[in-house]
Amino acid sequence: MLAGLLIGVVTAAAVALFFLPPAWFPPALSPEALLYDSQFRLNLLLLGPLFLLAQGLLVFILLRGRMPGARRSALVEGAAAAVVAGIFTVLGITGARAWSATPSAQPPEVIEVYAHQFAWNFRYPGPDGRFGKTDIALINDAALNPIGLDLRDANAADDVVASTLRVPAGRPVTLMLESRDVIHDFFVRELRLKQDIVPGMRIPYRFQANRPGTYEIACAELCGLGHSQMHSLLQVLSEADYQAWKASPRTAAR
């Protein structure tokens, strides 16, 4: 009986969390985030009643105990399994469609994201639109070269490395995510983006931020003693402000 009461209390508390502030998501910043929100609501609509039904039956059985003469019903078990399988099939199909939604045909702004213990760095190509070479042997935080930029390469001379991520509003952006040491996780709540960054991999993520403002970037993967300090900012700028920032002197871009 005690176990049944405990499960009932935990279930009620879990349901209450969806209705007590600030339980819900912050306003979505991109069309991709709106798709993920729609998928989340569908998941909640289909799986929420199943969760309550399953927990309610569990509490009922624990409180009442096994009824004399109770028998298994293959028909009931099969029907329940079919319903659950059908729901997860629907969610799998709709989720895949949301994840693979056709991006804008407009060429994206490509920005490289470098994660390391315990900071973020963001690299932009110069006016030539080309990224310069990097070399892991050239990484030197003390010399303000956290990504190993090879300044002997002509294409690297005008690259900009910043500690704040700035993107243009209303235009597609592709982030190329890399880690130089351990697994990190690039997390921006308003984008609904939580992407692991694995050393040795170059992971793309495309989005379009439509609302100017400043938003927090956090590492959502425990990555060492300084994990809690691994924060940065995402600044969504108007097109004019973004172009003005890119045209500013290199030192002003940091």
Foldseek 3Di string as FASTA:
>chain_A
DVVLVVLVVVVVVVVVLCVDPPNDFDAAFFPLQVLVVVLVVLCCVLCVVVVVVVSVVVSVCVVVDDDPPDDDDPVVVVVVVVSVVVSVVVSVVSVVCSVPPDDDPADAQEKEWEQEVAAIKIKHWAPVRDAADADPVQQDVVVVRNGRGDCVTPRHVGMAMARAAEDEAPGKYKYWYAYDDAWWWWDWRNNVGTHIHGHPGTDIDMTHGHDFDKTKIATPDPDDDCRVVRIHIYGHHHPVVVVVLSPDDRVSND
